[in-house]
Amino acid sequence: MQVNKCRNKFLVSKINAGKDVKESMRKAVGLIAGFSKYVSKGDTVLIKPNYNSDDPYPATSDPDALKALAELVYEAGAKKVIIGESSGLLWKPTRKVLEKMGVTWAAKESGAELFNFDEHEWIEKKIDGKYIKSVKIPKILNSIDKLIYFPCLKTHRNDKFTMSLKLSVGLMSNLERIPLHLINLEYKTAEINLLFKPALIVMDARKCFVTGGPTNGKIENPGLILASNDRVAIDVEGIKILQSYNAKNKLKGNPWELPTIKRAVELEIGSRNEQDYIVIESK
């Protein structure tokens, strides 16, 4: 299907990843018009990966894939690429996590700037939500042109799943993440996304957790890379992938009825139903 036939629809691409993860990501984004559609020449782009903990991929982002993604963003014309992260309280300091997990290496090799949110200023932002009214986010987000999400594909013990919508939790201050997880987590996860609008999401689904999560669980190997301009659509497709395995998790039934997805639809964060987006697949 040609992209020009998909106007007024959100797009999700899904490809079988090859041995070269950089070319696989290039192909996945190419199916939804290519990196140049989402990154303009001269842009400052912040990539948000998944390093809440210091556990290996797929609990956290694969540093080789992160390096490749940063290179692709530069190739699309970005003036500066920033890799920004803040790890969870249990694994602090973030600097140690980034060093241990190869993120420092990935930034250096790709020419990206490594930005530890914990070592810089946070600012308070209001949210017009039912369950959450304000959070502190990194001030640097006011100084970038584009935001790219790089989530893993995982189940989550408390939030049922963790993909692009949950990745936004890593853009709020650590102390605020504690009460977030105590009550109404799934609804709050959706509401936090009102503050952010990533231009592109690239999901590394070569491996995934189908039980447990976010730090450990049963690993399966879908062997896929997904890309989209919509957090809701790509997460729904990710949920379908997880549901395809015979595993004991909390992802039974219609993905659109899961609390995080349902609340995101109510807030008009992205797709409202299956008819709002198109999946473009390639072998």
Protein backbone atom coordinates (compact mmCIF):
# COMPACT_ATOMS: atom_id res chain seq x y z
CA MET A 1 0.00 0.00 0.00
CA GLN A 2 1.35 3.43 -0.92
CA VAL A 3 1.54 6.07 1.78
CA ASN A 4 -0.31 8.58 -0.44
CA LYS A 5 -3.38 6.33 -0.22
CA CYS A 6 -3.37 6.58 3.59
CA ARG A 7 -4.24 10.24 4.03
CA ASN A 8 -6.20 11.15 7.15
CA LYS A 9 -5.18 7.86 8.75
CA PHE A 10 -2.56 7.14 11.37
CA LEU A 11 0.07 4.74 10.09
CA VAL A 12 1.73 1.74 11.72
CA SER A 13 4.40 -0.22 9.89
CA LYS A 14 5.39 -3.72 10.91
CA ILE A 15 8.36 -5.55 9.40
CA ASN A 16 10.35 -8.70 10.01
CA ALA A 17 13.69 -7.46 11.32
CA GLY A 18 16.84 -8.64 9.60
CA LYS A 19 20.30 -9.03 11.07
CA ASP A 20 21.07 -5.36 10.40
CA VAL A 21 18.90 -3.49 12.91
CA LYS A 22 19.73 -0.11 11.36
CA GLU A 23 18.47 -1.15 7.96
CA SER A 24 15.42 -2.75 9.57
CA MET A 25 14.52 0.51 11.29
CA ARG A 26 15.17 2.44 8.09
CA LYS A 27 12.79 0.08 6.27
CA ALA A 28 10.10 0.28 8.96
CA VAL A 29 10.08 4.08 8.98
CA GLY A 30 10.37 4.09 5.19
CA LEU A 31 7.00 2.37 4.96
CA ILE A 32 5.40 5.38 6.68
CA ALA A 33 7.12 7.96 4.46
CA GLY A 34 10.66 7.84 5.85
CA PHE A 35 12.63 9.71 8.50
CA SER A 36 12.63 12.93 6.48
CA LYS A 37 8.87 13.21 7.04
CA TYR A 38 9.35 13.32 10.80
CA VAL A 39 12.74 15.03 11.07
CA SER A 40 13.51 18.30 9.28
CA LYS A 41 16.92 19.61 8.32
CA GLY A 42 18.45 21.50 11.22
CA ASP A 43 16.19 19.99 13.90
CA THR A 44 17.28 19.32 17.45
CA VAL A 45 15.82 15.89 18.20
CA LEU A 46 15.53 14.17 21.56
CA ILE A 47 15.29 10.37 21.57
CA LYS A 48 13.62 8.88 24.64
CA PRO A 49 14.69 5.24 25.09
CA ASN A 50 13.76 2.85 27.91
CA TYR A 51 16.33 2.64 30.73
CA ASN A 52 14.16 2.61 33.83
CA SER A 53 16.36 -0.18 35.20
CA ASP A 54 19.76 -1.76 34.55
CA ASP A 55 18.35 -5.03 33.25
CA PRO A 56 19.31 -6.29 29.77
CA TYR A 57 17.21 -6.00 26.60
CA PRO A 58 14.24 -6.38 26.25
CA ALA A 59 13.81 -4.93 29.75
CA THR A 60 15.74 -1.94 28.44
CA SER A 61 16.59 -0.65 24.98
CA ASP A 62 19.27 -2.44 22.96
CA PRO A 63 22.23 0.01 22.85
CA ASP A 64 23.22 -1.12 19.34
CA ALA A 65 19.71 -0.31 18.10
CA LEU A 66 19.75 3.00 19.96
CA LYS A 67 23.03 3.94 18.29
CA ALA A 68 21.56 3.01 14.90
CA LEU A 69 18.44 5.10 15.50
CA ALA A 70 20.49 8.16 16.45
CA GLU A 71 22.54 7.72 13.26
CA LEU A 72 19.38 7.51 11.16
CA VAL A 73 18.05 10.72 12.70
CA TYR A 74 21.31 12.47 11.86
CA GLU A 75 21.14 11.11 8.31
CA ALA A 76 17.65 12.62 8.01
CA GLY A 77 19.17 16.06 8.57
CA ALA A 78 19.03 16.68 12.31
CA LYS A 79 21.52 19.25 13.55
CA LYS A 80 21.69 17.72 17.01
CA VAL A 81 20.49 14.40 18.44
CA ILE A 82 20.03 14.10 22.20
CA ILE A 83 19.51 10.84 24.07
CA GLY A 84 17.60 11.77 27.23
CA GLU A 85 16.76 9.54 30.17
CA SER A 86 16.05 9.29 33.90
CA SER A 87 16.12 5.87 35.54
CA GLY A 88 13.79 4.65 38.26
CA LEU A 89 14.53 5.36 41.93
CA LEU A 90 15.46 1.75 42.67
CA TRP A 91 18.31 1.87 40.16
CA LYS A 92 19.75 5.33 40.77
CA PRO A 93 21.99 7.03 39.89
CA THR A 94 20.92 7.32 36.26
CA ARG A 95 24.52 8.02 35.20
CA LYS A 96 25.57 4.60 36.48
CA VAL A 97 22.68 2.87 34.68
CA LEU A 98 23.49 4.59 31.37
CA GLU A 99 27.15 3.62 31.64
CA LYS A 100 26.40 0.00 32.58
CA MET A 101 23.82 -0.49 29.82
CA GLY A 102 26.01 0.88 27.02
CA VAL A 103 24.09 4.11 26.49
CA THR A 104 27.19 6.25 27.04
CA TRP A 105 28.89 4.20 24.33
CA ALA A 106 25.88 4.47 21.97
CA ALA A 107 25.80 8.25 22.32
CA LYS A 108 29.52 8.64 21.74
CA GLU A 109 29.59 6.32 18.71
CA SER A 110 26.59 7.99 17.05
CA GLY A 111 27.62 11.54 17.83
CA ALA A 112 24.56 12.13 20.00
CA GLU A 113 24.57 14.16 23.21
CA LEU A 114 23.76 12.13 26.31
CA PHE A 115 21.42 14.07 28.60
CA ASN A 116 20.78 12.83 32.12
CA PHE A 117 17.52 14.49 33.16
CA ASP A 118 18.38 14.07 36.85
CA GLU A 119 21.38 16.37 36.54
CA HIS A 120 19.41 19.23 34.98
CA GLU A 121 16.40 21.43 35.67
CA TRP A 122 12.79 20.24 35.91
CA ILE A 123 9.75 22.47 35.40
CA GLU A 124 6.15 22.00 36.51
CA LYS A 125 3.45 21.53 33.89
CA LYS A 126 -0.29 21.48 34.44
CA ILE A 127 -2.40 18.62 33.10
CA ASP A 128 -6.12 18.88 32.43
CA GLY A 129 -6.68 15.37 33.72
CA LYS A 130 -9.11 13.63 36.00
CA TYR A 131 -6.51 11.63 37.91
CA ILE A 132 -3.42 13.82 37.68
CA LYS A 133 -3.21 17.62 37.63
CA SER A 134 0.47 18.47 37.27
CA VAL A 135 3.91 16.92 36.94
CA LYS A 136 7.50 18.05 36.70
CA ILE A 137 9.18 17.38 33.37
CA PRO A 138 12.69 18.07 32.00
CA LYS A 139 13.12 21.72 31.03
CA ILE A 140 15.12 20.67 27.97
CA LEU A 141 11.86 19.58 26.31
CA ASN A 142 11.15 23.27 25.76
CA SER A 143 14.32 23.56 23.68
CA ILE A 144 13.94 20.74 21.17
CA ASP A 145 12.21 20.60 17.80
CA LYS A 146 11.22 16.93 17.73
CA LEU A 147 10.72 14.10 20.20
CA ILE A 148 11.18 10.47 19.15
CA TYR A 149 10.08 7.57 21.35
CA PHE A 150 12.07 4.32 21.30
CA PRO A 151 10.06 1.86 23.44
CA CYS A 152 10.49 -1.84 24.03
CA LEU A 153 7.61 -4.33 23.81
CA LYS A 154 6.72 -5.71 27.24
CA THR A 155 4.02 -6.78 29.61
CA HIS A 156 3.90 -4.95 32.95
CA ARG A 157 2.95 -6.42 36.32
CA ASN A 158 0.94 -3.37 37.35
CA ASP A 159 0.12 -1.50 34.14
CA LYS A 160 -0.63 -4.64 32.06
CA PHE A 161 1.68 -3.44 29.24
CA THR A 162 4.48 -0.95 28.75
CA MET A 163 5.21 0.49 25.31
CA SER A 164 5.02 4.04 23.97
CA LEU A 165 2.27 5.43 26.22
CA LYS A 166 4.05 4.17 29.35
CA LEU A 167 7.37 5.54 28.08
CA SER A 168 6.04 9.03 28.89
CA VAL A 169 6.24 8.17 32.60
CA GLY A 170 10.02 8.34 32.22
CA LEU A 171 9.65 12.04 31.39
CA MET A 172 8.29 12.89 34.84
CA SER A 173 10.36 13.40 37.98
CA ASN A 174 11.25 10.33 40.03
CA LEU A 175 9.49 11.29 43.26
CA GLU A 176 6.23 11.78 41.36
CA ARG A 177 6.43 8.29 39.92
CA ILE A 178 5.91 6.76 43.36
CA PRO A 179 2.34 8.02 43.98
CA LEU A 180 1.63 7.49 40.28
CA HIS A 181 2.01 3.74 40.79
CA LEU A 182 -0.07 3.54 43.98
CA ILE A 183 -3.53 4.17 42.55
CA ASN A 184 -5.17 4.62 39.12
CA LEU A 185 -1.85 3.91 37.39
CA GLU A 186 -3.34 2.96 34.03
CA TYR A 187 -5.49 6.09 33.80
CA LYS A 188 -2.65 8.35 34.94
CA THR A 189 -0.34 6.77 32.35
CA ALA A 190 -2.71 7.90 29.63
CA GLU A 191 -3.18 11.39 31.07
CA ILE A 192 0.55 12.12 31.27
CA ASN A 193 0.64 11.76 27.50
CA LEU A 194 -1.31 15.01 27.18
CA LEU A 195 1.98 16.81 27.83
CA PHE A 196 3.95 15.21 25.01
CA LYS A 197 3.62 14.76 21.28
CA PRO A 198 6.35 12.56 19.80
CA ALA A 199 6.82 13.04 16.08
CA LEU A 200 7.72 9.37 15.64
CA ILE A 201 7.69 6.12 17.58
CA VAL A 202 10.05 3.26 16.69
CA MET A 203 9.31 0.10 18.66
CA ASP A 204 11.93 -2.62 18.97
CA ALA A 205 9.88 -5.81 19.06
CA ARG A 206 12.60 -8.25 18.06
CA LYS A 207 12.33 -9.59 21.62
CA CYS A 208 9.65 -9.01 24.23
CA PHE A 209 8.36 -10.00 27.65
CA VAL A 210 5.04 -11.84 27.52
CA THR A 211 4.83 -12.30 31.30
CA GLY A 212 6.02 -10.19 34.21
CA GLY A 213 7.73 -6.97 33.23
CA PRO A 214 9.00 -4.38 33.16
CA THR A 215 12.36 -5.67 34.43
CA ASN A 216 12.08 -9.43 33.82
CA GLY A 217 9.72 -12.05 32.48
CA LYS A 218 9.30 -14.79 29.92
CA ILE A 219 11.03 -13.78 26.70
CA GLU A 220 9.62 -14.42 23.25
CA ASN A 221 11.08 -13.44 19.89
CA PRO A 222 8.56 -11.77 17.55
CA GLY A 223 11.45 -10.58 15.38
CA LEU A 224 9.66 -7.34 14.47
CA ILE A 225 10.26 -3.61 14.20
CA LEU A 226 7.24 -1.30 14.32
CA ALA A 227 7.04 2.40 13.54
CA SER A 228 4.20 4.89 13.77
CA ASN A 229 3.15 8.50 14.16
CA ASP A 230 0.57 7.47 16.80
CA ARG A 231 1.14 6.11 20.31
CA VAL A 232 -2.31 4.55 20.64
CA ALA A 233 -2.22 2.67 17.35
CA ILE A 234 1.29 1.29 17.82
CA ASP A 235 0.52 0.19 21.38
CA VAL A 236 -2.65 -1.58 20.25
CA GLU A 237 -0.64 -3.43 17.61
CA GLY A 238 1.96 -4.27 20.24
CA ILE A 239 -0.72 -5.65 22.55
CA LYS A 240 -1.97 -7.87 19.73
CA ILE A 241 1.55 -9.26 19.32
CA LEU A 242 1.76 -10.06 23.05
CA GLN A 243 -1.71 -11.62 22.97
CA SER A 244 -0.61 -13.97 20.19
CA TYR A 245 1.49 -15.95 22.69
CA ASN A 246 0.08 -18.48 25.12
CA ALA A 247 1.23 -16.74 28.27
CA LYS A 248 -0.19 -15.89 31.68
CA ASN A 249 -0.54 -12.12 31.69
CA LYS A 250 -3.23 -9.43 32.08
CA LEU A 251 -3.81 -8.78 28.40
CA LYS A 252 -6.96 -10.78 27.73
CA GLY A 253 -9.78 -9.46 25.59
CA ASN A 254 -10.16 -6.44 23.33
CA PRO A 255 -7.07 -4.15 23.48
CA TRP A 256 -9.34 -1.12 23.14
CA GLU A 257 -11.00 -2.00 26.45
CA LEU A 258 -7.77 -1.93 28.45
CA PRO A 259 -7.86 1.06 30.83
CA THR A 260 -4.79 2.88 29.46
CA ILE A 261 -5.95 2.59 25.85
CA LYS A 262 -9.53 3.44 26.73
CA ARG A 263 -8.48 6.58 28.63
CA ALA A 264 -6.09 7.61 25.83
CA VAL A 265 -9.00 7.38 23.38
CA GLU A 266 -11.17 9.53 25.65
CA LEU A 267 -8.39 12.14 25.73
CA GLU A 268 -8.03 12.06 21.91
CA ILE A 269 -4.31 11.29 22.13
CA GLY A 270 -4.40 9.27 18.91
CA SER A 271 -6.47 6.64 17.17
CA ARG A 272 -9.99 6.10 18.48
CA ASN A 273 -10.59 2.67 16.93
CA GLU A 274 -9.33 0.16 14.37
CA GLN A 275 -10.65 2.27 11.49
CA ASP A 276 -8.48 5.25 12.46
CA TYR A 277 -5.19 3.66 11.41
CA ILE A 278 -3.66 1.48 8.75
CA VAL A 279 -1.06 -1.24 9.27
CA ILE A 280 1.54 -1.49 6.51
CA GLU A 281 3.42 -4.77 6.60
CA SER A 282 6.45 -6.00 4.71
CA LYS A 283 8.46 -9.18 4.83
